[in-house]
N, C-alpha and C. Protein backbone atom coordinates (compact mmCIF):
# COMPACT_ATOMS: atom_id res chain seq x y z
N MET A 1 132.57 118.85 72.80
CA MET A 1 132.51 119.16 73.44
C MET A 1 132.85 118.43 74.70
N THR A 2 133.99 119.38 75.73
CA THR A 2 133.85 118.57 76.86
C THR A 2 132.68 117.66 78.12
N LYS A 3 133.78 116.97 78.53
CA LYS A 3 132.32 115.77 79.24
C LYS A 3 131.93 117.07 80.49
N LYS A 4 132.85 117.99 80.58
CA LYS A 4 131.98 118.95 81.45
C LYS A 4 130.80 119.79 81.00
N GLU A 5 131.23 120.01 80.10
CA GLU A 5 130.13 121.01 78.90
C GLU A 5 129.14 119.71 78.51
N LYS A 6 129.12 118.74 78.14
CA LYS A 6 128.09 117.92 77.44
C LYS A 6 126.91 117.67 79.00
N ILE A 7 127.62 117.51 80.27
CA ILE A 7 127.21 117.84 81.85
C ILE A 7 125.82 119.22 82.06
N GLN A 8 126.95 120.29 81.64
CA GLN A 8 126.02 121.36 81.80
C GLN A 8 125.10 121.48 80.95
N PHE A 9 124.90 121.39 79.30
CA PHE A 9 123.74 121.17 78.92
C PHE A 9 122.89 120.70 79.19
N VAL A 10 123.18 119.16 79.61
CA VAL A 10 121.80 118.29 80.09
C VAL A 10 121.09 118.99 80.87
N ILE A 11 122.05 119.56 82.15
CA ILE A 11 121.14 120.29 82.91
C ILE A 11 120.11 121.64 82.30
N ASP A 12 121.01 121.96 81.68
CA ASP A 12 120.74 123.86 81.16
C ASP A 12 119.49 123.34 80.24
N THR A 13 119.73 122.31 79.17
CA THR A 13 118.49 122.00 78.68
C THR A 13 117.16 121.52 79.53
N LEU A 14 117.26 120.73 80.59
CA LEU A 14 116.43 119.85 80.93
C LEU A 14 115.51 121.09 82.18
N ASN A 15 116.62 122.09 82.63
CA ASN A 15 115.97 123.89 83.41
C ASN A 15 115.13 124.06 81.81
N GLN A 16 115.46 124.49 80.77
CA GLN A 16 114.47 125.12 79.91
C GLN A 16 113.33 124.51 79.97
N LEU A 17 113.22 122.70 79.39
CA LEU A 17 112.69 122.17 79.36
C LEU A 17 111.12 121.80 80.32
N TYR A 18 111.52 122.05 81.75
CA TYR A 18 110.71 121.20 83.35
C TYR A 18 111.15 122.52 84.13
N PRO A 19 111.10 124.06 83.85
CA PRO A 19 111.26 124.94 84.81
C PRO A 19 110.37 124.42 86.24
N GLU A 20 109.24 124.16 85.59
CA GLU A 20 107.83 123.69 87.15
C GLU A 20 108.35 122.33 86.51
N ILE A 21 108.81 121.39 87.68
CA ILE A 21 108.29 119.69 88.15
C ILE A 21 107.46 119.22 89.04
N PRO A 22 106.29 118.52 87.54
CA PRO A 22 105.60 117.87 88.37
C PRO A 22 105.79 116.85 88.88
N ILE A 23 105.01 116.19 90.58
CA ILE A 23 105.74 115.22 91.08
C ILE A 23 104.63 114.39 90.12
N PRO A 24 105.10 112.80 89.66
CA PRO A 24 104.09 112.12 88.57
C PRO A 24 103.34 111.42 89.75
N LEU A 25 103.47 110.72 90.58
CA LEU A 25 102.54 110.25 91.77
C LEU A 25 101.51 111.07 92.64
N ASP A 26 100.27 110.90 92.33
CA ASP A 26 99.68 111.73 93.67
C ASP A 26 99.46 111.65 95.18
N HIS A 27 99.31 112.07 96.24
CA HIS A 27 99.86 112.48 97.02
C HIS A 27 99.78 113.31 97.87
N LYS A 28 99.14 113.31 99.22
CA LYS A 28 99.35 114.41 99.98
C LYS A 28 99.85 114.31 101.41
N ASP A 29 100.76 113.16 101.46
CA ASP A 29 102.04 113.07 102.84
C ASP A 29 103.02 111.66 102.45
N PRO A 30 103.38 112.36 103.51
CA PRO A 30 104.92 110.96 103.30
C PRO A 30 103.84 109.76 103.16
N TYR A 31 103.23 109.28 103.92
CA TYR A 31 102.38 108.01 103.85
C TYR A 31 101.95 107.65 102.75
N THR A 32 101.49 108.74 102.20
CA THR A 32 101.27 108.14 100.62
C THR A 32 101.37 108.02 99.20
N LEU A 33 102.30 108.90 100.15
CA LEU A 33 103.59 108.68 98.78
C LEU A 33 104.36 107.41 98.92
N LEU A 34 104.42 106.82 100.23
CA LEU A 34 104.92 105.80 99.96
C LEU A 34 104.15 104.84 99.18
N ILE A 35 103.18 104.57 99.65
CA ILE A 35 102.28 103.73 99.34
C ILE A 35 101.88 103.56 98.00
N ALA A 36 101.64 104.76 97.45
CA ALA A 36 102.00 105.33 95.28
C ALA A 36 103.61 104.62 95.59
N VAL A 37 103.91 105.03 95.81
CA VAL A 37 105.72 104.65 94.72
C VAL A 37 105.72 102.84 95.24
N LEU A 38 105.20 102.60 95.81
CA LEU A 38 105.63 101.01 96.34
C LEU A 38 104.43 100.86 95.39
N LEU A 39 103.26 101.28 95.17
CA LEU A 39 102.12 99.92 93.80
C LEU A 39 102.86 100.58 92.94
N SER A 40 104.00 101.37 92.38
CA SER A 40 104.15 101.98 90.92
C SER A 40 105.30 100.86 90.49
N ALA A 41 105.82 100.47 91.35
CA ALA A 41 106.88 98.86 91.06
C ALA A 41 106.25 97.70 89.87
N GLN A 42 106.56 98.05 88.48
CA GLN A 42 106.29 97.56 87.15
C GLN A 42 104.51 97.82 86.60
N CYS A 43 104.73 99.34 87.21
CA CYS A 43 103.19 99.10 87.05
C CYS A 43 103.35 100.72 86.62
N THR A 44 102.14 101.69 85.59
CA THR A 44 102.04 103.16 85.35
C THR A 44 101.65 104.12 86.17
N ASP A 45 102.57 105.02 86.29
CA ASP A 45 101.71 106.11 86.81
C ASP A 45 100.60 106.64 87.31
N VAL A 46 100.41 106.47 85.93
CA VAL A 46 98.96 106.72 85.82
C VAL A 46 97.96 106.32 86.22
N ARG A 47 98.66 104.43 85.82
CA ARG A 47 97.39 103.55 86.79
C ARG A 47 97.57 103.40 87.67
N VAL A 48 98.52 103.69 88.72
CA VAL A 48 98.67 104.12 90.48
C VAL A 48 97.26 105.13 90.58
N ASN A 49 97.93 105.96 89.69
CA ASN A 49 96.62 107.48 89.89
C ASN A 49 95.49 107.26 90.12
N GLN A 50 94.98 106.60 89.43
CA GLN A 50 93.45 105.96 89.55
C GLN A 50 93.29 104.69 90.59
N ILE A 51 94.13 104.41 91.12
CA ILE A 51 94.12 103.36 91.91
C ILE A 51 94.28 104.09 93.78
N THR A 52 94.80 104.40 93.27
CA THR A 52 95.31 104.92 94.84
C THR A 52 93.90 105.92 95.23
N PRO A 53 93.36 107.17 95.13
CA PRO A 53 91.67 107.69 94.99
C PRO A 53 91.09 106.39 95.88
N LEU A 54 90.74 105.24 94.91
CA LEU A 54 89.88 104.16 95.71
C LEU A 54 90.20 103.01 97.15
N LEU A 55 92.35 103.06 97.35
CA LEU A 55 92.37 102.96 98.40
C LEU A 55 92.61 103.75 99.40
N PHE A 56 93.02 105.28 99.53
CA PHE A 56 92.98 106.16 100.30
C PHE A 56 91.65 106.59 100.68
N ALA A 57 90.71 106.34 99.77
CA ALA A 57 89.13 106.53 100.04
C ALA A 57 89.41 105.35 101.04
N LYS A 58 89.29 104.36 101.52
CA LYS A 58 89.11 103.75 102.58
C LYS A 58 90.06 103.90 103.67
N ALA A 59 91.55 103.70 103.55
CA ALA A 59 92.65 104.33 104.38
C ALA A 59 93.97 104.77 103.62
N ASP A 60 93.50 106.08 104.28
CA ASP A 60 94.84 107.28 104.12
C ASP A 60 96.27 107.55 104.57
N ASN A 61 96.15 106.42 105.83
CA ASN A 61 97.25 106.21 107.26
C ASN A 61 97.48 104.94 107.30
N PRO A 62 98.09 104.50 108.43
CA PRO A 62 98.63 103.53 108.87
C PRO A 62 97.27 102.88 109.96
N TYR A 63 96.96 103.44 110.58
CA TYR A 63 95.99 103.48 111.50
C TYR A 63 94.45 102.26 110.70
N ASP A 64 93.86 103.00 109.38
CA ASP A 64 93.26 102.46 109.28
C ASP A 64 93.47 101.89 108.60
N MET A 65 94.46 101.94 107.48
CA MET A 65 95.36 100.73 106.79
C MET A 65 95.18 98.98 107.18
N VAL A 66 95.71 99.44 108.66
CA VAL A 66 95.28 98.18 109.19
C VAL A 66 94.49 97.35 109.82
N LYS A 67 93.06 98.22 109.51
CA LYS A 67 92.00 97.72 109.81
C LYS A 67 90.99 96.80 108.64
N LEU A 68 91.99 97.11 107.27
CA LEU A 68 91.77 96.78 106.37
C LEU A 68 92.05 95.03 106.24
N SER A 69 91.67 94.37 105.75
CA SER A 69 92.59 92.56 105.91
C SER A 69 93.78 93.20 104.67
N VAL A 70 94.42 92.17 104.23
CA VAL A 70 95.32 91.84 103.30
C VAL A 70 94.60 91.71 101.93
N GLU A 71 93.91 91.36 101.72
CA GLU A 71 93.09 90.26 101.24
C GLU A 71 91.83 91.83 100.91
N GLU A 72 91.70 92.24 101.36
CA GLU A 72 90.76 93.34 100.73
C GLU A 72 91.76 95.02 100.34
N ILE A 73 92.58 94.89 100.61
CA ILE A 73 94.11 95.90 100.03
C ILE A 73 93.92 95.12 98.71
N LYS A 74 94.57 93.64 98.64
CA LYS A 74 94.52 93.16 97.46
C LYS A 74 93.45 93.22 95.89
N GLU A 75 92.09 93.32 96.66
CA GLU A 75 91.16 93.53 95.89
C GLU A 75 91.67 94.55 95.32
N ILE A 76 91.50 96.06 96.02
CA ILE A 76 91.35 97.43 95.40
C ILE A 76 93.23 97.31 94.65
N ILE A 77 93.95 96.87 95.04
CA ILE A 77 95.25 97.79 94.45
C ILE A 77 95.35 96.45 93.29
N LYS A 78 94.30 95.17 92.69
CA LYS A 78 94.94 94.19 91.83
C LYS A 78 95.23 94.94 90.40
N PRO A 79 94.27 96.10 89.73
CA PRO A 79 95.17 96.55 88.60
C PRO A 79 96.46 96.93 88.35
N CYS A 80 97.04 96.95 89.79
CA CYS A 80 98.36 97.67 89.30
C CYS A 80 99.90 96.34 89.17
N GLY A 81 99.49 94.96 89.43
CA GLY A 81 99.73 94.33 89.52
C GLY A 81 101.28 93.34 90.71
N LEU A 82 101.23 92.61 90.61
CA LEU A 82 102.43 92.18 92.22
C LEU A 82 101.22 92.48 93.83
N SER A 83 100.06 91.79 93.49
CA SER A 83 99.14 92.39 94.12
C SER A 83 99.23 91.42 95.68
N PRO A 84 99.89 90.28 95.15
CA PRO A 84 99.65 89.47 96.77
C PRO A 84 100.80 90.25 97.46
N MET A 85 101.97 90.61 96.73
CA MET A 85 103.23 90.80 97.41
C MET A 85 103.10 92.30 98.16
N LYS A 86 102.36 93.03 96.99
CA LYS A 86 102.22 94.65 97.22
C LYS A 86 101.07 94.77 98.19
N SER A 87 100.08 93.97 98.56
CA SER A 87 99.28 93.89 99.74
C SER A 87 99.79 93.86 101.01
N LYS A 88 100.38 92.79 101.34
CA LYS A 88 101.01 92.40 102.03
C LYS A 88 102.22 92.75 102.52
N GLY A 89 103.05 94.25 101.75
CA GLY A 89 103.71 94.62 101.56
C GLY A 89 103.28 96.34 103.02
N ILE A 90 102.18 96.82 101.66
CA ILE A 90 101.40 97.95 102.30
C ILE A 90 100.85 97.15 104.11
N TYR A 91 100.17 96.06 104.42
CA TYR A 91 100.00 95.59 105.58
C TYR A 91 100.95 95.68 106.38
N GLY A 92 101.78 95.34 106.14
CA GLY A 92 103.35 94.71 106.91
C GLY A 92 103.69 96.14 107.31
N LEU A 93 104.35 96.43 106.55
CA LEU A 93 104.92 98.19 107.01
C LEU A 93 103.53 99.39 107.17
N SER A 94 102.71 99.37 107.27
CA SER A 94 101.64 100.32 108.65
C SER A 94 101.24 99.73 109.62
N GLN A 95 101.41 98.21 110.12
CA GLN A 95 102.08 97.85 111.48
C GLN A 95 102.79 98.37 111.73
N ILE A 96 104.74 97.89 111.21
CA ILE A 96 105.41 99.10 111.72
C ILE A 96 105.53 99.86 112.32
N LEU A 97 104.72 101.36 111.02
CA LEU A 97 104.96 102.79 111.51
C LEU A 97 103.73 102.73 113.12
N ILE A 98 103.21 101.98 112.87
CA ILE A 98 102.34 101.85 114.50
C ILE A 98 103.33 101.80 115.46
N GLU A 99 104.01 100.81 114.60
CA GLU A 99 104.82 99.77 116.14
C GLU A 99 105.55 100.57 116.24
N LYS A 100 107.02 100.95 115.48
CA LYS A 100 107.58 101.63 115.60
C LYS A 100 108.41 103.24 115.80
N HIS A 101 107.12 103.26 114.83
CA HIS A 101 107.33 105.17 114.60
C HIS A 101 106.19 105.71 114.28
N ASN A 102 105.29 105.63 115.87
CA ASN A 102 104.18 106.49 115.91
C ASN A 102 103.13 107.30 115.06
N GLY A 103 103.03 105.71 113.89
CA GLY A 103 101.95 106.02 112.68
C GLY A 103 102.43 107.12 111.42
N GLU A 104 104.50 107.18 111.61
CA GLU A 104 104.64 109.23 110.88
C GLU A 104 105.89 107.21 109.98
N VAL A 105 106.17 108.20 108.61
CA VAL A 105 106.82 107.79 108.27
C VAL A 105 108.62 108.19 108.60
N PRO A 106 109.20 107.32 108.70
CA PRO A 106 110.53 107.61 109.12
C PRO A 106 111.60 108.22 108.00
N GLN A 107 112.07 109.33 108.53
CA GLN A 107 113.29 110.06 107.75
C GLN A 107 114.33 109.64 107.71
N SER A 108 114.76 108.53 107.28
CA SER A 108 115.61 107.97 107.05
C SER A 108 116.08 106.43 106.21
N PHE A 109 117.21 106.65 105.37
CA PHE A 109 117.33 105.66 104.30
C PHE A 109 117.08 104.34 105.03
N GLU A 110 117.59 104.24 105.95
CA GLU A 110 117.95 102.99 106.96
C GLU A 110 116.46 102.12 107.31
N ALA A 111 115.90 103.33 108.24
CA ALA A 111 114.54 102.91 108.48
C ALA A 111 113.66 102.31 107.65
N LEU A 112 113.50 103.11 106.59
CA LEU A 112 112.62 103.13 105.17
C LEU A 112 113.20 101.49 104.80
N GLU A 113 114.19 101.41 104.22
CA GLU A 113 114.67 100.29 103.58
C GLU A 113 114.38 98.88 104.64
N GLU A 114 114.05 99.17 106.38
CA GLU A 114 113.97 97.85 106.84
C GLU A 114 112.42 97.17 106.41
N LEU A 115 111.15 98.77 106.05
CA LEU A 115 110.25 97.94 106.14
C LEU A 115 109.73 97.19 104.57
N PRO A 116 108.72 96.47 105.29
CA PRO A 116 108.21 95.15 104.45
C PRO A 116 107.90 96.05 102.95
N ALA A 117 108.33 95.48 101.74
CA ALA A 117 108.58 95.78 100.21
C ALA A 117 108.57 97.41 100.25
N VAL A 118 109.69 97.65 100.96
CA VAL A 118 110.49 99.31 100.38
C VAL A 118 111.82 98.60 100.10
N GLY A 119 112.14 98.91 98.85
CA GLY A 119 113.71 98.60 98.48
C GLY A 119 114.30 100.11 98.20
N HIS A 120 115.62 100.53 97.55
CA HIS A 120 116.34 101.80 98.13
C HIS A 120 115.50 102.50 97.60
N LYS A 121 115.39 101.72 95.54
CA LYS A 121 114.70 102.74 94.81
C LYS A 121 113.30 103.62 95.41
N THR A 122 112.52 102.83 96.35
CA THR A 122 111.09 103.55 96.86
C THR A 122 111.84 104.86 98.42
N ALA A 123 112.85 104.08 99.04
CA ALA A 123 112.93 105.14 99.83
C ALA A 123 113.96 105.95 99.92
N SER A 124 114.40 105.78 98.29
CA SER A 124 115.06 107.05 97.20
C SER A 124 113.83 108.19 97.47
N VAL A 125 113.13 107.82 96.60
CA VAL A 125 111.63 108.47 96.28
C VAL A 125 110.98 109.31 97.20
N VAL A 126 111.29 108.06 98.56
CA VAL A 126 110.76 109.34 100.02
C VAL A 126 111.50 109.92 100.62
N MET A 127 112.47 109.85 100.66
CA MET A 127 113.45 111.26 101.31
C MET A 127 113.13 112.24 100.32
N SER A 128 113.72 111.77 98.91
CA SER A 128 113.99 113.05 98.42
C SER A 128 112.96 114.16 98.06
N GLN A 129 111.06 112.99 97.59
CA GLN A 129 110.33 114.28 97.41
C GLN A 129 109.79 114.07 98.46
N ALA A 130 109.48 113.45 99.76
CA ALA A 130 108.49 114.25 100.73
C ALA A 130 109.41 115.13 101.94
N PHE A 131 110.79 114.62 102.27
CA PHE A 131 111.68 115.07 102.98
C PHE A 131 112.50 116.10 102.66
N GLY A 132 112.79 115.72 100.60
CA GLY A 132 113.59 117.28 99.97
C GLY A 132 114.83 116.68 100.52
N VAL A 133 115.59 115.51 101.29
CA VAL A 133 117.13 114.87 101.35
C VAL A 133 117.19 114.76 100.05
N PRO A 134 118.85 115.64 99.95
CA PRO A 134 118.81 114.40 97.82
C PRO A 134 119.18 113.15 97.98
N ALA A 135 118.57 112.27 97.02
CA ALA A 135 118.82 111.28 96.45
C ALA A 135 118.84 110.98 94.95
N PHE A 136 118.53 110.03 95.03
CA PHE A 136 118.47 110.02 92.92
C PHE A 136 118.16 108.58 92.67
N PRO A 137 116.60 108.34 92.66
CA PRO A 137 115.94 107.38 92.60
C PRO A 137 116.23 106.82 90.96
N VAL A 138 116.94 105.45 90.45
CA VAL A 138 116.72 105.35 89.44
C VAL A 138 115.98 104.38 88.92
N ASP A 139 114.86 105.01 87.94
CA ASP A 139 113.81 103.96 86.94
C ASP A 139 114.68 104.15 85.77
N THR A 140 113.53 103.54 85.06
CA THR A 140 114.03 102.21 83.33
C THR A 140 114.52 103.22 82.75
N HIS A 141 113.72 105.35 83.27
CA HIS A 141 113.97 105.97 82.15
C HIS A 141 115.63 106.84 82.05
N ILE A 142 115.82 107.00 83.87
CA ILE A 142 117.23 107.08 83.51
C ILE A 142 118.42 106.63 83.83
N HIS A 143 118.00 104.78 83.65
CA HIS A 143 119.12 103.86 83.36
C HIS A 143 119.11 104.37 82.15
N ARG A 144 118.06 103.79 80.90
CA ARG A 144 118.24 104.30 79.85
C ARG A 144 118.85 105.77 79.52
N LEU A 145 118.77 106.38 80.06
CA LEU A 145 118.86 108.22 79.41
C LEU A 145 120.52 108.13 79.82
N MET A 146 120.97 107.39 81.04
CA MET A 146 122.44 108.03 81.67
C MET A 146 122.54 106.79 80.41
N TYR A 147 122.71 105.79 80.01
CA TYR A 147 123.31 105.12 78.62
C TYR A 147 123.54 105.95 77.59
N ARG A 148 122.11 106.22 77.32
CA ARG A 148 121.99 106.97 76.01
C ARG A 148 122.84 107.71 75.69
N TRP A 149 123.23 108.59 76.85
CA TRP A 149 123.71 110.24 76.47
C TRP A 149 125.45 109.30 77.25
N ASN A 150 125.93 108.22 76.90
CA ASN A 150 127.49 108.32 77.94
C ASN A 150 127.54 109.39 79.13
N LEU A 151 126.83 108.64 79.58
CA LEU A 151 126.69 109.31 81.25
C LEU A 151 127.28 108.32 82.66
N SER A 152 126.69 107.50 81.94
CA SER A 152 126.58 105.81 82.86
C SER A 152 127.02 104.54 81.98
N ASP A 153 127.88 103.43 81.95
CA ASP A 153 127.46 102.35 81.16
C ASP A 153 126.59 101.32 81.02
N GLY A 154 125.48 101.94 81.95
CA GLY A 154 124.03 100.73 81.39
C GLY A 154 124.49 99.36 82.09
N LYS A 155 125.35 99.22 82.88
CA LYS A 155 126.19 97.63 83.67
C LYS A 155 124.52 97.06 84.64
N SER A 156 124.88 98.19 85.85
CA SER A 156 123.28 97.99 86.34
C SER A 156 122.70 99.63 87.22
N VAL A 157 121.41 98.94 87.23
CA VAL A 157 121.01 100.56 87.79
C VAL A 157 121.84 101.16 89.35
N GLN A 158 122.41 100.33 90.19
CA GLN A 158 122.61 100.76 91.16
C GLN A 158 124.58 101.87 90.63
N LYS A 159 124.64 100.95 89.70
CA LYS A 159 126.28 101.53 88.88
C LYS A 159 125.41 103.34 88.23
N THR A 160 124.68 102.80 88.03
CA THR A 160 123.44 104.04 87.13
C THR A 160 123.58 105.63 88.20
N GLU A 161 123.02 104.92 89.37
CA GLU A 161 123.23 105.75 90.64
C GLU A 161 124.33 106.20 90.81
N ALA A 162 125.23 105.39 91.67
CA ALA A 162 127.02 106.00 91.21
C ALA A 162 127.63 106.87 90.41
N ASP A 163 126.73 106.74 88.76
CA ASP A 163 127.37 107.79 88.00
C ASP A 163 126.94 109.08 88.46
N ALA A 164 125.34 108.53 88.20
CA ALA A 164 124.61 110.20 88.85
C ALA A 164 125.23 111.12 89.84
N LYS A 165 125.03 110.41 90.54
CA LYS A 165 125.17 110.99 92.01
C LYS A 165 126.90 111.47 91.76
N LYS A 166 127.74 111.21 90.82
CA LYS A 166 128.75 111.43 91.02
C LYS A 166 129.47 112.97 90.03
N ILE A 167 128.54 112.99 89.29
CA ILE A 167 128.18 113.72 88.00
C ILE A 167 127.68 114.79 88.06
N PHE A 168 126.50 114.65 88.56
CA PHE A 168 125.90 115.96 88.79
C PHE A 168 125.51 116.61 90.25
N PRO A 169 125.65 118.47 90.64
CA PRO A 169 125.90 118.70 91.86
C PRO A 169 124.50 118.32 92.51
N ARG A 170 124.98 117.52 93.74
CA ARG A 170 123.74 117.45 94.61
C ARG A 170 122.93 117.77 94.78
N GLU A 171 122.91 119.25 95.07
CA GLU A 171 121.68 120.04 95.43
C GLU A 171 120.88 120.12 94.18
N LEU A 172 121.37 119.36 92.84
CA LEU A 172 120.36 119.71 91.64
C LEU A 172 120.00 118.10 91.81
N TRP A 173 120.14 117.04 92.82
CA TRP A 173 119.35 115.64 92.32
C TRP A 173 118.18 115.84 92.21
N ASN A 174 117.61 116.07 93.32
CA ASN A 174 115.99 116.30 93.48
C ASN A 174 114.87 116.23 91.99
N ASP A 175 115.94 117.81 91.59
CA ASP A 175 114.64 117.71 90.53
C ASP A 175 115.70 117.75 89.18
N LEU A 176 116.67 117.21 89.44
CA LEU A 176 117.11 116.49 87.94
C LEU A 176 116.57 114.66 87.77
N HIS A 177 116.66 113.87 88.53
CA HIS A 177 115.96 112.48 88.82
C HIS A 177 114.67 112.60 88.58
N LEU A 178 113.35 113.29 88.37
CA LEU A 178 112.73 113.77 88.18
C LEU A 178 112.33 114.32 86.56
N GLN A 179 112.87 115.62 86.66
CA GLN A 179 113.41 115.88 85.16
C GLN A 179 113.82 115.49 83.51
N ILE A 180 114.53 114.24 84.39
CA ILE A 180 115.45 113.29 83.56
C ILE A 180 114.27 112.03 83.30
N ILE A 181 113.18 111.62 83.97
CA ILE A 181 112.71 110.80 83.76
C ILE A 181 110.87 111.61 82.58
N TRP A 182 110.58 112.69 83.24
CA TRP A 182 109.83 113.80 82.21
C TRP A 182 110.61 113.77 80.47
N TYR A 183 111.66 114.38 80.86
CA TYR A 183 112.31 113.66 79.64
C TYR A 183 111.81 112.58 78.58
N GLY A 184 112.82 111.30 79.14
CA GLY A 184 112.78 109.92 79.36
C GLY A 184 111.07 109.33 78.17
N ARG A 185 110.28 110.16 78.91
CA ARG A 185 108.90 109.52 78.76
C ARG A 185 108.46 110.52 77.29
N GLU A 186 108.64 111.97 77.20
CA GLU A 186 108.32 112.31 76.33
C GLU A 186 109.48 112.79 75.14
N TYR A 187 110.90 113.00 74.98
CA TYR A 187 111.48 112.70 74.46
C TYR A 187 112.85 111.96 73.95
N SER A 188 112.31 110.89 75.03
CA SER A 188 113.48 109.72 74.87
C SER A 188 113.39 108.50 74.86
N PRO A 189 112.34 107.52 74.59
CA PRO A 189 111.01 106.87 74.91
C PRO A 189 112.10 104.98 74.12
N ALA A 190 111.83 104.81 75.24
CA ALA A 190 112.62 102.38 74.64
C ALA A 190 111.65 102.71 73.56
N ARG A 191 110.31 102.55 72.96
CA ARG A 191 109.86 102.19 72.16
C ARG A 191 109.14 104.20 71.18
N GLY A 192 108.96 103.68 69.99
CA GLY A 192 109.02 105.14 69.75
C GLY A 192 109.38 106.63 69.22
N TRP A 193 110.46 105.91 69.45
CA TRP A 193 111.84 106.63 69.75
C TRP A 193 112.24 107.77 68.25
N ASN A 194 112.31 109.32 68.94
CA ASN A 194 112.30 109.83 67.43
C ASN A 194 113.58 110.89 67.75
N LEU A 195 114.67 110.59 66.97
CA LEU A 195 116.14 111.21 67.61
C LEU A 195 116.28 112.82 67.10
N GLU A 196 115.30 112.61 66.25
CA GLU A 196 115.12 114.76 65.50
C GLU A 196 114.57 115.29 67.01
N LYS A 197 113.93 114.53 68.27
CA LYS A 197 113.34 115.22 68.96
C LYS A 197 113.71 115.20 69.95
N ASP A 198 114.64 114.74 69.39
CA ASP A 198 115.06 113.98 71.34
C ASP A 198 116.65 115.26 71.69
N ILE A 199 116.80 116.13 71.56
CA ILE A 199 117.98 116.95 71.65
C ILE A 199 119.29 116.77 72.25
N ILE A 200 118.96 116.15 73.09
CA ILE A 200 120.08 115.76 74.32
C ILE A 200 120.89 114.84 73.91
N THR A 201 120.08 113.30 73.40
CA THR A 201 120.95 112.04 73.30
C THR A 201 121.23 112.49 71.37
N LYS A 202 120.40 113.57 70.39
CA LYS A 202 121.56 113.75 69.01
C LYS A 202 122.88 114.95 69.64
N THR A 203 122.71 115.37 71.00
CA THR A 203 123.96 116.49 70.46
C THR A 203 124.71 115.75 71.32
N ILE A 204 124.18 114.91 72.47
CA ILE A 204 126.00 114.02 73.03
C ILE A 204 126.11 112.50 73.01
N GLY A 205 125.13 112.22 72.60
CA GLY A 205 124.70 110.79 72.88
C GLY A 205 125.80 110.11 72.32
N ARG A 206 125.83 108.71 72.95
CA ARG A 206 126.87 107.80 72.11
C ARG A 206 126.82 107.46 71.09
N SER A 207 128.18 107.21 70.89
CA SER A 207 128.44 106.96 69.46
C SER A 207 127.82 105.72 68.99
N SER A 208 128.04 104.26 69.79
CA SER A 208 127.50 103.55 69.43
C SER A 208 125.77 103.30 69.03
N VAL A 209 124.86 104.31 70.11
CA VAL A 209 123.41 104.19 70.45
C VAL A 209 123.04 104.95 69.00
N LEU A 210 123.57 105.78 68.46
CA LEU A 210 123.43 106.96 67.46
C LEU A 210 123.40 106.39 66.00
N LYS A 211 124.73 105.00 66.16
CA LYS A 211 125.09 104.65 64.91
C LYS A 211 123.69 104.09 64.82
N GLU A 212 123.73 102.59 66.02
CA GLU A 212 122.32 101.84 65.99
C GLU A 212 121.13 102.19 65.42
N TYR A 213 120.51 103.53 65.68
CA TYR A 213 119.24 104.53 65.42
C TYR A 213 119.94 104.72 63.95
N ASN A 214 120.72 104.51 63.44
CA ASN A 214 120.76 105.86 62.25
C ASN A 214 119.91 104.21 61.16
N LYS A 215 121.40 103.01 61.58
CA LYS A 215 120.85 102.02 60.81
C LYS A 215 119.63 101.60 60.45
N LYS A 216 118.85 101.48 61.65
CA LYS A 216 117.13 101.22 61.59
C LYS A 216 116.72 102.20 61.17
N THR A 217 116.45 103.45 61.40
CA THR A 217 115.97 104.39 60.75
C THR A 217 116.30 104.29 58.86
N PRO A 218 115.42 104.53 58.17
CA PRO A 218 115.62 104.29 56.94
C PRO A 218 115.71 105.74 56.12
């Protein structure tokens, strides 16, 4: 298979498996998505989806959020981990949205990345899922799969993102990044991985990865 054929195979397989693509984090608007994505750092989406209804019942917009104290926010989001940093970030970004953006989530990477506790990945998720702007946020699943599929060298998340943007058509980025996440969870996890079920890696996988897998499997 040529590299072009491999990329097409990835796209076709993912479209077949995920014609409808669910958004992993429950939200109702750009603000609640931004908070959910911020909470998801080093925390599972399932856990985030259990915590956000409790938080949003008290504050689902920046004006209500700043009525809570950092301590109150911290108590609610504690099960998500990193709660001291995340609670300060949520309170601080809510203040900035009110002061600088009329309470609205800004629609630019630069303005989003200026907000406390918001990095490039969080900004990319918000831009793609809330505003439909092409972006390719790279999480652990995408980083792992791009390496397994021999489409990136795995040296850094930044490199994986640059490689993904180079090889996949821009108009597919927003769908593909979600499809790869779902695929990684269901067919190509870090632990408990069964290559027989993982049709993409089985077909186009990096030879060293396949060799390593076969070595471990009796």
